Amino acid sequence: MGDSLVVEVKSNPLNRILAVLIVFVGLAIAIVGGLVVRSAFIAPQAPRTAAERDFTVAQAKVKQKPRDAEAHNDLGNAYFKMGNYESAVAEFKKAMSLNKLFLVAQFNLAMVYRAQQRNDLAARELKALLKKYPGDDAALFRLGEIYLEERKYEEAAAAFRDAVKYNPIDADSRYYLALAYEKTGKKPAAIKEYKQVLRYIPDHKGARAALSRLGKK
């Protein structure tokens, strides 16, 4: 009878199915549990983009050096890249308060205001920067852009003219200076500057189109 019982148990397929199911269920629970633990403790802390990585580094730097102007400037840049403009403004202002001569932070603050379409505030910061350092051609260029957008062509020409003065090989400043001259009816001066642009960038489409428009090639 013992032999017949053994044969009967081995020949029952239900036991095999249950054993296989138990193994698979155990594996599934282990895998799912591992994924849940991983997502709960690792994923939220891991930066996924370059901007998030920059933010994480900058935030840590500020925690280590809360009175460091450069650290707050870096954090402001990180916020700027992530599109968090209000936080960027706060960090750039903090950097400026820690170092009154940290002009990079003031320029960056102006750029945030530009991104927010707050040109009046951007122009204010650029003018304040230029009082401290009149030869900042980047600030002069951005101020000229604002004037050009607002159709203040004489002011734009003055800003771009100063930008060219401090950086004579900047083709962009020369191009927009020529455009400002053209808008104010100073055709000969505009033609001269457009030609200067082509000296530095021979295939500059804007300058070539302008010279064609003004009857010069």
N, C-alpha and C. Protein backbone atom coordinates (compact mmCIF):
# COMPACT_ATOMS: atom_id res chain seq x y z
N MET A 1 0.84 -1.20 0.00
CA MET A 1 0.00 0.00 0.00
C MET A 1 0.87 1.25 0.00
N GLY A 2 2.07 1.13 0.68
CA GLY A 2 2.98 2.28 0.69
C GLY A 2 3.42 2.65 -0.69
N ASP A 3 3.77 1.65 -1.52
CA ASP A 3 4.22 1.93 -2.89
C ASP A 3 3.13 2.58 -3.70
N SER A 4 1.92 2.12 -3.56
CA SER A 4 0.83 2.67 -4.36
C SER A 4 0.54 4.11 -3.97
N LEU A 5 0.78 4.47 -2.66
CA LEU A 5 0.55 5.85 -2.21
C LEU A 5 1.57 6.78 -2.83
N VAL A 6 2.84 6.36 -2.88
CA VAL A 6 3.89 7.17 -3.49
C VAL A 6 3.59 7.41 -4.94
N VAL A 7 3.21 6.41 -5.63
CA VAL A 7 2.88 6.54 -7.05
C VAL A 7 1.74 7.51 -7.24
N GLU A 8 0.76 7.46 -6.31
CA GLU A 8 -0.42 8.31 -6.44
C GLU A 8 -0.04 9.78 -6.26
N VAL A 9 0.86 10.10 -5.28
CA VAL A 9 1.27 11.49 -5.04
C VAL A 9 2.08 12.03 -6.20
N LYS A 10 3.03 11.27 -6.70
CA LYS A 10 3.89 11.73 -7.79
C LYS A 10 3.10 11.96 -9.06
N SER A 11 2.06 11.18 -9.23
CA SER A 11 1.32 11.29 -10.48
C SER A 11 0.30 12.43 -10.44
N ASN A 12 0.14 13.13 -9.26
CA ASN A 12 -0.83 14.22 -9.14
C ASN A 12 -0.22 15.52 -9.67
N PRO A 13 -0.69 16.07 -10.81
CA PRO A 13 -0.09 17.28 -11.42
C PRO A 13 -0.38 18.54 -10.63
N LEU A 14 -1.38 18.53 -9.76
CA LEU A 14 -1.76 19.74 -9.02
C LEU A 14 -0.62 20.20 -8.11
N ASN A 15 0.10 19.22 -7.52
CA ASN A 15 1.20 19.59 -6.63
C ASN A 15 2.31 20.33 -7.38
N ARG A 16 2.61 19.86 -8.58
CA ARG A 16 3.64 20.51 -9.38
C ARG A 16 3.24 21.94 -9.74
N ILE A 17 1.99 22.12 -10.13
CA ILE A 17 1.50 23.45 -10.52
C ILE A 17 1.58 24.41 -9.34
N LEU A 18 1.15 23.92 -8.17
CA LEU A 18 1.18 24.77 -6.98
C LEU A 18 2.61 25.16 -6.61
N ALA A 19 3.52 24.22 -6.76
CA ALA A 19 4.92 24.50 -6.42
C ALA A 19 5.50 25.58 -7.34
N VAL A 20 5.20 25.45 -8.63
CA VAL A 20 5.69 26.44 -9.61
C VAL A 20 5.09 27.81 -9.33
N LEU A 21 3.78 27.84 -9.03
CA LEU A 21 3.11 29.11 -8.74
C LEU A 21 3.71 29.78 -7.52
N ILE A 22 4.00 28.99 -6.49
CA ILE A 22 4.59 29.54 -5.27
C ILE A 22 5.94 30.19 -5.57
N VAL A 23 6.74 29.52 -6.40
CA VAL A 23 8.06 30.07 -6.76
C VAL A 23 7.92 31.38 -7.51
N PHE A 24 7.00 31.41 -8.50
CA PHE A 24 6.81 32.63 -9.31
C PHE A 24 6.26 33.78 -8.48
N VAL A 25 5.32 33.47 -7.61
CA VAL A 25 4.75 34.52 -6.75
C VAL A 25 5.83 35.09 -5.84
N GLY A 26 6.66 34.23 -5.31
CA GLY A 26 7.75 34.69 -4.44
C GLY A 26 8.71 35.61 -5.18
N LEU A 27 9.07 35.20 -6.40
CA LEU A 27 9.97 36.03 -7.21
C LEU A 27 9.34 37.38 -7.54
N ALA A 28 8.05 37.35 -7.90
CA ALA A 28 7.35 38.59 -8.25
C ALA A 28 7.31 39.55 -7.07
N ILE A 29 7.02 39.01 -5.89
CA ILE A 29 6.98 39.86 -4.68
C ILE A 29 8.35 40.47 -4.41
N ALA A 30 9.38 39.68 -4.59
CA ALA A 30 10.74 40.18 -4.34
C ALA A 30 11.11 41.29 -5.31
N ILE A 31 10.77 41.09 -6.60
CA ILE A 31 11.11 42.09 -7.62
C ILE A 31 10.35 43.38 -7.40
N VAL A 32 9.02 43.26 -7.21
CA VAL A 32 8.19 44.45 -7.00
C VAL A 32 8.61 45.17 -5.73
N GLY A 33 8.87 44.43 -4.69
CA GLY A 33 9.30 45.05 -3.44
C GLY A 33 10.60 45.81 -3.61
N GLY A 34 11.53 45.22 -4.37
CA GLY A 34 12.80 45.90 -4.62
C GLY A 34 12.62 47.18 -5.40
N LEU A 35 11.73 47.15 -6.40
CA LEU A 35 11.48 48.36 -7.20
C LEU A 35 10.84 49.44 -6.36
N VAL A 36 9.90 49.05 -5.50
CA VAL A 36 9.23 50.04 -4.64
C VAL A 36 10.23 50.70 -3.71
N VAL A 37 11.08 49.89 -3.10
CA VAL A 37 12.09 50.43 -2.19
C VAL A 37 13.05 51.34 -2.93
N ARG A 38 13.45 50.92 -4.12
CA ARG A 38 14.39 51.73 -4.91
C ARG A 38 13.78 53.07 -5.28
N SER A 39 12.52 53.04 -5.75
CA SER A 39 11.87 54.29 -6.15
C SER A 39 11.61 55.20 -4.96
N ALA A 40 11.37 54.60 -3.80
CA ALA A 40 11.07 55.40 -2.61
C ALA A 40 12.30 56.09 -2.04
N PHE A 41 13.46 55.40 -2.12
CA PHE A 41 14.63 55.93 -1.44
C PHE A 41 15.71 56.48 -2.36
N ILE A 42 15.64 56.18 -3.65
CA ILE A 42 16.70 56.62 -4.56
C ILE A 42 16.20 57.60 -5.60
N ALA A 43 15.14 57.24 -6.32
CA ALA A 43 14.71 58.03 -7.47
C ALA A 43 14.43 59.49 -7.15
N PRO A 44 13.69 59.82 -6.08
CA PRO A 44 13.38 61.22 -5.83
C PRO A 44 14.61 62.08 -5.56
N GLN A 45 15.72 61.46 -5.09
CA GLN A 45 16.91 62.21 -4.75
C GLN A 45 17.87 62.35 -5.92
N ALA A 46 17.66 61.60 -6.97
CA ALA A 46 18.59 61.59 -8.09
C ALA A 46 18.19 62.63 -9.13
N PRO A 47 19.03 63.65 -9.39
CA PRO A 47 18.71 64.64 -10.42
C PRO A 47 18.66 63.99 -11.80
N ARG A 48 17.68 64.34 -12.58
CA ARG A 48 17.47 63.68 -13.87
C ARG A 48 17.99 64.47 -15.05
N THR A 49 18.13 65.79 -14.92
CA THR A 49 18.59 66.62 -16.02
C THR A 49 19.82 67.40 -15.60
N ALA A 50 20.49 68.01 -16.61
CA ALA A 50 21.67 68.82 -16.32
C ALA A 50 21.31 69.99 -15.42
N ALA A 51 20.14 70.60 -15.68
CA ALA A 51 19.70 71.73 -14.86
C ALA A 51 19.48 71.31 -13.41
N GLU A 52 18.90 70.13 -13.21
CA GLU A 52 18.67 69.64 -11.85
C GLU A 52 19.99 69.32 -11.15
N ARG A 53 20.95 68.80 -11.91
CA ARG A 53 22.26 68.51 -11.33
C ARG A 53 22.95 69.82 -10.91
N ASP A 54 22.87 70.83 -11.79
CA ASP A 54 23.46 72.13 -11.45
C ASP A 54 22.80 72.71 -10.20
N PHE A 55 21.48 72.55 -10.12
CA PHE A 55 20.75 73.06 -8.96
C PHE A 55 21.20 72.36 -7.68
N THR A 56 21.35 71.05 -7.75
CA THR A 56 21.76 70.28 -6.57
C THR A 56 23.14 70.72 -6.09
N VAL A 57 24.07 70.89 -7.04
CA VAL A 57 25.43 71.32 -6.69
C VAL A 57 25.42 72.73 -6.10
N ALA A 58 24.68 73.64 -6.75
CA ALA A 58 24.63 75.03 -6.29
C ALA A 58 23.97 75.15 -4.92
N GLN A 59 22.92 74.38 -4.72
CA GLN A 59 22.22 74.41 -3.43
C GLN A 59 23.14 73.93 -2.31
N ALA A 60 23.90 72.89 -2.59
CA ALA A 60 24.84 72.38 -1.59
C ALA A 60 25.93 73.41 -1.29
N LYS A 61 26.35 74.11 -2.32
CA LYS A 61 27.39 75.14 -2.15
C LYS A 61 26.90 76.28 -1.27
N VAL A 62 25.64 76.68 -1.46
CA VAL A 62 25.05 77.75 -0.64
C VAL A 62 24.93 77.31 0.81
N LYS A 63 24.58 76.05 1.03
CA LYS A 63 24.47 75.53 2.40
C LYS A 63 25.83 75.54 3.10
N GLN A 64 26.87 75.24 2.32
CA GLN A 64 28.22 75.23 2.89
C GLN A 64 28.75 76.64 3.12
N LYS A 65 28.42 77.55 2.16
CA LYS A 65 28.93 78.93 2.24
C LYS A 65 27.77 79.92 2.07
N PRO A 66 26.94 80.08 3.08
CA PRO A 66 25.76 80.93 2.95
C PRO A 66 26.07 82.41 2.74
N ARG A 67 27.31 82.84 3.02
CA ARG A 67 27.69 84.24 2.85
C ARG A 67 28.54 84.45 1.61
N ASP A 68 28.57 83.47 0.74
CA ASP A 68 29.39 83.55 -0.47
C ASP A 68 28.55 84.06 -1.64
N ALA A 69 28.92 85.20 -2.20
CA ALA A 69 28.15 85.81 -3.29
C ALA A 69 28.13 84.94 -4.54
N GLU A 70 29.27 84.34 -4.85
CA GLU A 70 29.35 83.48 -6.04
C GLU A 70 28.44 82.27 -5.92
N ALA A 71 28.34 81.72 -4.72
CA ALA A 71 27.47 80.56 -4.50
C ALA A 71 26.02 80.93 -4.77
N HIS A 72 25.59 82.08 -4.30
CA HIS A 72 24.21 82.52 -4.54
C HIS A 72 24.00 82.84 -6.02
N ASN A 73 25.03 83.36 -6.68
CA ASN A 73 24.92 83.62 -8.11
C ASN A 73 24.73 82.32 -8.88
N ASP A 74 25.50 81.29 -8.50
CA ASP A 74 25.38 79.98 -9.16
C ASP A 74 23.99 79.39 -8.94
N LEU A 75 23.47 79.55 -7.74
CA LEU A 75 22.12 79.04 -7.46
C LEU A 75 21.08 79.82 -8.26
N GLY A 76 21.30 81.12 -8.40
CA GLY A 76 20.41 81.92 -9.23
C GLY A 76 20.41 81.46 -10.68
N ASN A 77 21.60 81.15 -11.19
CA ASN A 77 21.70 80.63 -12.56
C ASN A 77 20.97 79.30 -12.70
N ALA A 78 21.08 78.45 -11.68
CA ALA A 78 20.39 77.16 -11.72
C ALA A 78 18.88 77.35 -11.74
N TYR A 79 18.38 78.25 -10.91
CA TYR A 79 16.95 78.55 -10.93
C TYR A 79 16.53 79.11 -12.29
N PHE A 80 17.37 79.97 -12.84
CA PHE A 80 17.08 80.59 -14.15
C PHE A 80 16.92 79.52 -15.22
N LYS A 81 17.84 78.57 -15.25
CA LYS A 81 17.79 77.50 -16.25
C LYS A 81 16.55 76.63 -16.09
N MET A 82 16.07 76.51 -14.86
CA MET A 82 14.88 75.69 -14.59
C MET A 82 13.59 76.48 -14.80
N GLY A 83 13.71 77.77 -15.13
CA GLY A 83 12.53 78.59 -15.38
C GLY A 83 11.89 79.14 -14.12
N ASN A 84 12.57 79.01 -12.99
CA ASN A 84 12.06 79.54 -11.72
C ASN A 84 12.61 80.96 -11.55
N TYR A 85 11.99 81.91 -12.24
CA TYR A 85 12.54 83.26 -12.32
C TYR A 85 12.51 84.01 -10.99
N GLU A 86 11.44 83.86 -10.23
CA GLU A 86 11.35 84.60 -8.97
C GLU A 86 12.45 84.17 -8.00
N SER A 87 12.70 82.88 -7.93
CA SER A 87 13.78 82.40 -7.06
C SER A 87 15.14 82.86 -7.58
N ALA A 88 15.28 82.91 -8.91
CA ALA A 88 16.53 83.40 -9.50
C ALA A 88 16.76 84.86 -9.12
N VAL A 89 15.71 85.66 -9.20
CA VAL A 89 15.81 87.08 -8.82
C VAL A 89 16.28 87.20 -7.37
N ALA A 90 15.69 86.41 -6.49
CA ALA A 90 16.04 86.46 -5.06
C ALA A 90 17.51 86.11 -4.83
N GLU A 91 18.00 85.10 -5.56
CA GLU A 91 19.39 84.68 -5.37
C GLU A 91 20.38 85.70 -5.93
N PHE A 92 20.06 86.29 -7.08
CA PHE A 92 20.95 87.30 -7.64
C PHE A 92 20.99 88.55 -6.75
N LYS A 93 19.84 88.92 -6.20
CA LYS A 93 19.81 90.05 -5.27
C LYS A 93 20.62 89.75 -4.01
N LYS A 94 20.53 88.51 -3.55
CA LYS A 94 21.30 88.11 -2.37
C LYS A 94 22.79 88.21 -2.66
N ALA A 95 23.20 87.74 -3.84
CA ALA A 95 24.61 87.82 -4.24
C ALA A 95 25.08 89.27 -4.27
N MET A 96 24.24 90.15 -4.81
CA MET A 96 24.59 91.57 -4.88
C MET A 96 24.69 92.20 -3.50
N SER A 97 23.84 91.77 -2.58
CA SER A 97 23.88 92.32 -1.22
C SER A 97 25.14 91.89 -0.48
N LEU A 98 25.66 90.72 -0.84
CA LEU A 98 26.87 90.21 -0.20
C LEU A 98 28.14 90.82 -0.78
N ASN A 99 28.04 91.24 -2.05
CA ASN A 99 29.19 91.85 -2.73
C ASN A 99 28.69 92.92 -3.69
N LYS A 100 28.79 94.16 -3.28
CA LYS A 100 28.25 95.28 -4.07
C LYS A 100 28.92 95.40 -5.44
N LEU A 101 30.13 94.90 -5.56
CA LEU A 101 30.87 95.01 -6.82
C LEU A 101 30.80 93.74 -7.66
N PHE A 102 29.94 92.82 -7.29
CA PHE A 102 29.80 91.58 -8.05
C PHE A 102 28.88 91.85 -9.24
N LEU A 103 29.47 92.38 -10.31
CA LEU A 103 28.68 92.85 -11.45
C LEU A 103 28.02 91.71 -12.23
N VAL A 104 28.60 90.53 -12.17
CA VAL A 104 28.02 89.39 -12.88
C VAL A 104 26.61 89.12 -12.38
N ALA A 105 26.41 89.19 -11.07
CA ALA A 105 25.09 88.94 -10.50
C ALA A 105 24.10 90.02 -10.94
N GLN A 106 24.56 91.25 -11.04
CA GLN A 106 23.67 92.33 -11.48
C GLN A 106 23.29 92.16 -12.95
N PHE A 107 24.24 91.75 -13.77
CA PHE A 107 23.94 91.47 -15.18
C PHE A 107 22.95 90.32 -15.29
N ASN A 108 23.17 89.28 -14.52
CA ASN A 108 22.25 88.13 -14.55
C ASN A 108 20.85 88.51 -14.09
N LEU A 109 20.77 89.39 -13.10
CA LEU A 109 19.47 89.87 -12.64
C LEU A 109 18.75 90.59 -13.78
N ALA A 110 19.48 91.39 -14.52
CA ALA A 110 18.89 92.08 -15.67
C ALA A 110 18.38 91.08 -16.71
N MET A 111 19.12 89.98 -16.90
CA MET A 111 18.71 88.99 -17.88
C MET A 111 17.44 88.25 -17.45
N VAL A 112 17.28 88.05 -16.15
CA VAL A 112 16.03 87.44 -15.66
C VAL A 112 14.86 88.38 -15.94
N TYR A 113 15.05 89.65 -15.66
CA TYR A 113 13.99 90.62 -15.93
C TYR A 113 13.65 90.66 -17.42
N ARG A 114 14.67 90.50 -18.27
CA ARG A 114 14.42 90.45 -19.72
C ARG A 114 13.56 89.24 -20.06
N ALA A 115 13.89 88.11 -19.45
CA ALA A 115 13.12 86.88 -19.71
C ALA A 115 11.68 87.02 -19.25
N GLN A 116 11.46 87.86 -18.25
CA GLN A 116 10.11 88.10 -17.74
C GLN A 116 9.39 89.23 -18.49
N GLN A 117 10.06 89.78 -19.50
CA GLN A 117 9.52 90.91 -20.26
C GLN A 117 9.35 92.16 -19.38
N ARG A 118 10.18 92.28 -18.38
CA ARG A 118 10.17 93.47 -17.51
C ARG A 118 11.35 94.36 -17.90
N ASN A 119 11.23 94.94 -19.09
CA ASN A 119 12.34 95.69 -19.66
C ASN A 119 12.72 96.92 -18.86
N ASP A 120 11.76 97.53 -18.18
CA ASP A 120 12.08 98.70 -17.38
C ASP A 120 13.04 98.35 -16.25
N LEU A 121 12.80 97.21 -15.60
CA LEU A 121 13.68 96.78 -14.52
C LEU A 121 15.03 96.30 -15.07
N ALA A 122 15.00 95.64 -16.22
CA ALA A 122 16.25 95.19 -16.84
C ALA A 122 17.12 96.38 -17.20
N ALA A 123 16.52 97.40 -17.81
CA ALA A 123 17.27 98.60 -18.18
C ALA A 123 17.83 99.30 -16.94
N ARG A 124 17.05 99.32 -15.88
CA ARG A 124 17.51 99.96 -14.64
C ARG A 124 18.77 99.28 -14.10
N GLU A 125 18.77 97.94 -14.10
CA GLU A 125 19.94 97.22 -13.59
C GLU A 125 21.15 97.39 -14.50
N LEU A 126 20.92 97.40 -15.81
CA LEU A 126 22.02 97.56 -16.75
C LEU A 126 22.64 98.95 -16.63
N LYS A 127 21.82 99.95 -16.46
CA LYS A 127 22.33 101.32 -16.28
C LYS A 127 23.13 101.44 -14.99
N ALA A 128 22.62 100.82 -13.94
CA ALA A 128 23.33 100.85 -12.65
C ALA A 128 24.68 100.15 -12.77
N LEU A 129 24.70 99.04 -13.50
CA LEU A 129 25.95 98.31 -13.73
C LEU A 129 26.94 99.18 -14.50
N LEU A 130 26.45 99.87 -15.53
CA LEU A 130 27.32 100.67 -16.38
C LEU A 130 27.87 101.90 -15.66
N LYS A 131 27.20 102.34 -14.62
CA LYS A 131 27.75 103.43 -13.81
C LYS A 131 28.99 102.96 -13.06
N LYS A 132 28.99 101.69 -12.68
CA LYS A 132 30.14 101.12 -11.97
C LYS A 132 31.25 100.74 -12.94
N TYR A 133 30.84 100.24 -14.11
CA TYR A 133 31.82 99.79 -15.10
C TYR A 133 31.33 100.16 -16.50
N PRO A 134 31.64 101.37 -16.96
CA PRO A 134 31.12 101.86 -18.25
C PRO A 134 31.56 101.05 -19.46
N GLY A 135 32.65 100.29 -19.31
CA GLY A 135 33.17 99.56 -20.46
C GLY A 135 32.62 98.15 -20.63
N ASP A 136 31.55 97.81 -19.95
CA ASP A 136 30.97 96.46 -20.08
C ASP A 136 30.19 96.39 -21.39
N ASP A 137 30.82 95.85 -22.43
CA ASP A 137 30.18 95.83 -23.75
C ASP A 137 28.96 94.93 -23.79
N ALA A 138 28.95 93.87 -22.98
CA ALA A 138 27.78 92.97 -22.94
C ALA A 138 26.56 93.71 -22.39
N ALA A 139 26.77 94.50 -21.33
CA ALA A 139 25.67 95.28 -20.75
C ALA A 139 25.20 96.34 -21.73
N LEU A 140 26.13 96.98 -22.42
CA LEU A 140 25.77 97.99 -23.42
C LEU A 140 24.95 97.37 -24.55
N PHE A 141 25.36 96.18 -24.98
CA PHE A 141 24.63 95.49 -26.05
C PHE A 141 23.21 95.18 -25.62
N ARG A 142 23.03 94.63 -24.43
CA ARG A 142 21.69 94.27 -23.95
C ARG A 142 20.83 95.52 -23.75
N LEU A 143 21.44 96.60 -23.29
CA LEU A 143 20.69 97.85 -23.14
C LEU A 143 20.25 98.37 -24.51
N GLY A 144 21.14 98.26 -25.49
CA GLY A 144 20.79 98.65 -26.85
C GLY A 144 19.64 97.83 -27.40
N GLU A 145 19.63 96.53 -27.10
CA GLU A 145 18.53 95.67 -27.53
C GLU A 145 17.19 96.16 -26.99
N ILE A 146 17.20 96.53 -25.71
CA ILE A 146 15.96 97.01 -25.09
C ILE A 146 15.48 98.28 -25.78
N TYR A 147 16.40 99.21 -26.00
CA TYR A 147 16.03 100.46 -26.67
C TYR A 147 15.50 100.20 -28.08
N LEU A 148 16.12 99.25 -28.76
CA LEU A 148 15.70 98.93 -30.12
C LEU A 148 14.29 98.36 -30.12
N GLU A 149 14.00 97.47 -29.18
CA GLU A 149 12.67 96.89 -29.07
C GLU A 149 11.61 97.95 -28.76
N GLU A 150 12.01 98.95 -27.99
CA GLU A 150 11.08 100.01 -27.60
C GLU A 150 11.06 101.17 -28.61
N ARG A 151 11.77 100.97 -29.71
CA ARG A 151 11.84 101.96 -30.80
C ARG A 151 12.45 103.28 -30.36
N LYS A 152 13.34 103.20 -29.41
CA LYS A 152 14.12 104.37 -29.00
C LYS A 152 15.45 104.30 -29.74
N TYR A 153 15.39 104.64 -31.02
CA TYR A 153 16.50 104.37 -31.91
C TYR A 153 17.74 105.20 -31.62
N GLU A 154 17.58 106.43 -31.20
CA GLU A 154 18.74 107.26 -30.87
C GLU A 154 19.48 106.68 -29.66
N GLU A 155 18.71 106.29 -28.63
CA GLU A 155 19.33 105.69 -27.45
C GLU A 155 19.98 104.35 -27.79
N ALA A 156 19.32 103.60 -28.68
CA ALA A 156 19.88 102.31 -29.10
C ALA A 156 21.21 102.52 -29.82
N ALA A 157 21.25 103.50 -30.72
CA ALA A 157 22.48 103.78 -31.46
C ALA A 157 23.60 104.17 -30.50
N ALA A 158 23.28 104.96 -29.49
CA ALA A 158 24.30 105.38 -28.52
C ALA A 158 24.85 104.17 -27.76
N ALA A 159 23.97 103.28 -27.35
CA ALA A 159 24.40 102.09 -26.60
C ALA A 159 25.26 101.17 -27.47
N PHE A 160 24.82 100.92 -28.69
CA PHE A 160 25.59 100.04 -29.58
C PHE A 160 26.91 100.69 -29.99
N ARG A 161 26.90 102.00 -30.15
CA ARG A 161 28.13 102.71 -30.50
C ARG A 161 29.17 102.54 -29.39
N ASP A 162 28.73 102.64 -28.15
CA ASP A 162 29.65 102.43 -27.03
C ASP A 162 30.10 100.98 -26.95
N ALA A 163 29.20 100.05 -27.26
CA ALA A 163 29.57 98.63 -27.26
C ALA A 163 30.67 98.36 -28.28
N VAL A 164 30.53 98.97 -29.46
CA VAL A 164 31.54 98.82 -30.51
C VAL A 164 32.86 99.48 -30.09
N LYS A 165 32.74 100.58 -29.38
CA LYS A 165 33.94 101.29 -28.89
C LYS A 165 34.78 100.38 -28.00
N TYR A 166 34.12 99.63 -27.13
CA TYR A 166 34.84 98.78 -26.19
C TYR A 166 35.13 97.39 -26.74
N ASN A 167 34.43 97.01 -27.80
CA ASN A 167 34.66 95.71 -28.43
C ASN A 167 34.49 95.86 -29.94
N PRO A 168 35.51 96.40 -30.62
CA PRO A 168 35.40 96.74 -32.05
C PRO A 168 35.13 95.56 -32.97
N ILE A 169 35.49 94.36 -32.55
CA ILE A 169 35.32 93.21 -33.45
C ILE A 169 34.00 92.47 -33.22
N ASP A 170 33.13 93.02 -32.40
CA ASP A 170 31.83 92.38 -32.15
C ASP A 170 30.89 92.70 -33.30
N ALA A 171 30.71 91.75 -34.19
CA ALA A 171 29.87 91.96 -35.38
C ALA A 171 28.41 92.19 -35.01
N ASP A 172 27.93 91.57 -33.95
CA ASP A 172 26.53 91.74 -33.56
C ASP A 172 26.25 93.18 -33.15
N SER A 173 27.15 93.77 -32.36
CA SER A 173 26.97 95.17 -31.95
C SER A 173 27.00 96.09 -33.16
N ARG A 174 27.88 95.82 -34.11
CA ARG A 174 27.95 96.64 -35.32
C ARG A 174 26.68 96.49 -36.16
N TYR A 175 26.17 95.28 -36.24
CA TYR A 175 24.96 95.06 -37.04
C TYR A 175 23.78 95.85 -36.46
N TYR A 176 23.60 95.77 -35.16
CA TYR A 176 22.47 96.48 -34.55
C TYR A 176 22.70 97.98 -34.51
N LEU A 177 23.95 98.40 -34.46
CA LEU A 177 24.25 99.83 -34.59
C LEU A 177 23.83 100.31 -35.98
N ALA A 178 24.16 99.53 -37.00
CA ALA A 178 23.76 99.87 -38.37
C ALA A 178 22.24 99.93 -38.49
N LEU A 179 21.56 98.97 -37.85
CA LEU A 179 20.10 98.94 -37.90
C LEU A 179 19.51 100.18 -37.22
N ALA A 180 20.10 100.58 -36.10
CA ALA A 180 19.63 101.78 -35.40
C ALA A 180 19.86 103.02 -36.26
N TYR A 181 21.02 103.08 -36.91
CA TYR A 181 21.28 104.20 -37.83
C TYR A 181 20.25 104.23 -38.96
N GLU A 182 19.96 103.05 -39.49
CA GLU A 182 18.99 102.97 -40.59
C GLU A 182 17.61 103.46 -40.12
N LYS A 183 17.23 103.09 -38.92
CA LYS A 183 15.92 103.49 -38.38
C LYS A 183 15.83 105.00 -38.15
N THR A 184 16.98 105.63 -37.91
CA THR A 184 16.98 107.08 -37.68
C THR A 184 17.27 107.86 -38.96
N GLY A 185 17.32 107.15 -40.09
CA GLY A 185 17.51 107.83 -41.37
C GLY A 185 18.95 108.16 -41.70
N LYS A 186 19.90 107.61 -40.96
CA LYS A 186 21.32 107.88 -41.21
C LYS A 186 21.87 106.80 -42.15
N LYS A 187 21.47 106.91 -43.39
CA LYS A 187 21.78 105.87 -44.37
C LYS A 187 23.28 105.66 -44.58
N PRO A 188 24.08 106.71 -44.81
CA PRO A 188 25.52 106.49 -45.01
C PRO A 188 26.19 105.79 -43.83
N ALA A 189 25.82 106.20 -42.61
CA ALA A 189 26.41 105.57 -41.42
C ALA A 189 25.99 104.11 -41.32
N ALA A 190 24.73 103.84 -41.68
CA ALA A 190 24.23 102.46 -41.64
C ALA A 190 24.98 101.59 -42.63
N ILE A 191 25.15 102.11 -43.85
CA ILE A 191 25.86 101.35 -44.89
C ILE A 191 27.29 101.04 -44.44
N LYS A 192 27.94 102.02 -43.85
CA LYS A 192 29.31 101.83 -43.38
C LYS A 192 29.40 100.70 -42.36
N GLU A 193 28.47 100.69 -41.42
CA GLU A 193 28.50 99.66 -40.38
C GLU A 193 28.13 98.28 -40.93
N TYR A 194 27.17 98.23 -41.84
CA TYR A 194 26.81 96.94 -42.45
C TYR A 194 28.02 96.35 -43.18
N LYS A 195 28.78 97.21 -43.85
CA LYS A 195 29.97 96.73 -44.55
C LYS A 195 31.03 96.24 -43.56
N GLN A 196 31.11 96.92 -42.42
CA GLN A 196 32.05 96.46 -41.39
C GLN A 196 31.66 95.08 -40.88
N VAL A 197 30.38 94.84 -40.75
CA VAL A 197 29.90 93.52 -40.31
C VAL A 197 30.39 92.45 -41.27
N LEU A 198 30.31 92.72 -42.57
CA LEU A 198 30.73 91.73 -43.57
C LEU A 198 32.24 91.50 -43.57
N ARG A 199 32.98 92.44 -43.04
CA ARG A 199 34.42 92.22 -42.91
C ARG A 199 34.70 91.10 -41.91
N TYR A 200 33.89 91.02 -40.88
CA TYR A 200 34.08 90.01 -39.84
C TYR A 200 33.31 88.73 -40.14
N ILE A 201 32.12 88.89 -40.72
CA ILE A 201 31.30 87.72 -41.07
C ILE A 201 30.82 87.89 -42.52
N PRO A 202 31.61 87.43 -43.49
CA PRO A 202 31.29 87.65 -44.90
C PRO A 202 29.93 87.11 -45.34
N ASP A 203 29.43 86.08 -44.69
CA ASP A 203 28.15 85.49 -45.10
C ASP A 203 27.00 85.92 -44.18
N HIS A 204 27.15 87.06 -43.52
CA HIS A 204 26.10 87.56 -42.63
C HIS A 204 24.87 87.95 -43.46
N LYS A 205 23.81 87.15 -43.36
CA LYS A 205 22.63 87.34 -44.21
C LYS A 205 21.93 88.67 -43.93
N GLY A 206 21.86 89.06 -42.66
CA GLY A 206 21.19 90.30 -42.31
C GLY A 206 21.86 91.51 -42.91
N ALA A 207 23.19 91.55 -42.82
CA ALA A 207 23.95 92.68 -43.37
C ALA A 207 23.84 92.73 -44.89
N ARG A 208 23.92 91.57 -45.53
CA ARG A 208 23.80 91.53 -46.99
C ARG A 208 22.42 91.98 -47.45
N ALA A 209 21.40 91.53 -46.76
CA ALA A 209 20.03 91.93 -47.11
C ALA A 209 19.84 93.43 -46.90
N ALA A 210 20.43 93.97 -45.84
CA ALA A 210 20.31 95.40 -45.56
C ALA A 210 20.99 96.24 -46.64
N LEU A 211 22.19 95.83 -47.05
CA LEU A 211 22.90 96.56 -48.09
C LEU A 211 22.15 96.50 -49.41
N SER A 212 21.55 95.37 -49.70
CA SER A 212 20.73 95.24 -50.91
C SER A 212 19.51 96.15 -50.81
N ARG A 213 18.93 96.21 -49.63
CA ARG A 213 17.76 97.06 -49.40
C ARG A 213 18.11 98.54 -49.55
N LEU A 214 19.34 98.89 -49.14
CA LEU A 214 19.77 100.29 -49.21
C LEU A 214 20.44 100.63 -50.53
N GLY A 215 20.43 99.68 -51.46
CA GLY A 215 20.97 99.95 -52.79
C GLY A 215 22.47 99.79 -52.89
N LYS A 216 23.07 99.10 -51.92
CA LYS A 216 24.51 98.88 -51.94
C LYS A 216 24.79 97.38 -51.87
N LYS A 217 25.82 96.96 -52.55
CA LYS A 217 26.19 95.55 -52.53
C LYS A 217 27.66 95.40 -52.19
